[in-house]
Amino acid sequence: MTNSEAGSIRHWGADRWEALVAGHGRHLLQSFLDGDQASAEELREVFAALDTGAFDRSLAARPDLSEIHVTTSCHPLVPAVLNRLTGLEAEGLYKGDPLRYARSNLLVQRMLGLQRLTLGWPVYAFGAEVLDQIMMYPSDQAPGSDPGIPLLTLNDWRNIPRYDPEHPVAGIVRETLLHMRRLSGVEPVAHLPAPYSLAAEVLGQETLIPALAAAPDVVRQLLDLIVDRVLKPWCDDLARSVPDVWLELSDASGSPMFIGPRNFLELAVAPVRRLIEENRWGDRVFVANYRGDLPPPQTARGRRRRAAPTEGAISFESLLETKKLCCPKFLTRLEADAAPPERYAEAAISHRLPLYLGVGAVRLDRNSVTDVAAARSALFEDARRRAGLIREVSDALAK
């Protein structure tokens, strides 16, 4: 430890840190985002101390595991704060210093009062960038693939590159996970794109979606190539390099609400199951963000009537079974799932699975909310109701 680091720790002290994670930090972030200059100066001091390692021993949270907790990835918020505060560009945050990235994300979560810590990065973007897809990096937002310059076309899809463990992005992912593990004290989760979503990044949605109908065999072969050339060797690398790593494959693009039930079941799920079934680390692979089940039954003459499934809908039972196949250790109900949370709680108890209930980000985005007071009241009621359901599931599983 350098003299400046030791001085910074003495300067801050335990009492000031406790205030930062007990409510003052949340107020500080809100005041800064509202334009308060005094808050900006204090927040600069906080991040300067963070960079010296002053908080490294305090970033880990030790939540009471008998309680119900909220968690979220804060990675879209961190570049917005740091860009306004210090001028740091998003590309510099995401790729410049993995230690700073891990520290910043953990600090913001602790300042917001979160106890269940997690780490996220631009899943789909980094998955494409490791293959040298041309990227777009806004100054204060997460990056994305350049839609005008796809890496592949339907004429050359067989040329998809192989995963290179020496690629800079591969190294950034490994190093970030190791810092997360050391600083947080929890088993790290590597967020990677699932086969279908990675195909959408490097081929382009406008090319891939028509191919589902016109050339499904080509799509199937491309997804198998992605498994063999990219995701299997990437997961092999992470399983060797990062102790206790979990391998979360995100697949929003492959969900039934986007590509339809048939394409979802026949194309998107199979390559995920290959990764789970064919590899020694397969029991640590999961997809937790499939969404879009059948809308709830309609009511007619006082009796519940189930709507007939359509090409654009998948039954609750079918999606539930697929969720279990691709996420065997817990059950998720996301905002875009139509079946009520109570039905997911019943299923969790029946299948003896812990339950995770998600709240859609759009409900927390002030720009998407017309009546903030009403939205706050509705979120509070939903949180209370969902916490009660999670408690019911937890108590049933404990018995």
Foldseek 3Di string as FASTA:
>chain_A
DDPVLVVLLVVCDPVNVCCQLVAVVQVLVVCVVVPDPVSLVVVVSVLVNLVSVSCLQPLAADDDVLADFDEDFCVFVQLQSCCVNPVAFPCCLQQVDLLSVLSSRSSSCSSNNGNPYAYDAPALALQQVQQVADKDGGRRGHIAGDQVGAQDELVPLVPRAFGDCPRSSNVSQLVNQQSNCSRHVDAYEREHAALVSNCCRRHNPVRPLVCVPVPVVSLQVSSVCCLVRYVVVSVVVNPVRGPNYAYEHEYACLACLNRFDVCNVPHRLVSLLCCLPVDPCNVRYAYQDRAFADAAFDDDPNDTHRDDDDRSHHHPVVVQVSRCSRHVAAHEDEPNHRDDVLVVLVVCLVSVHQYDYYDDVLLVDPVNDDDVVVSVVVVVVVVVVNSVSNSVSVVSSVD
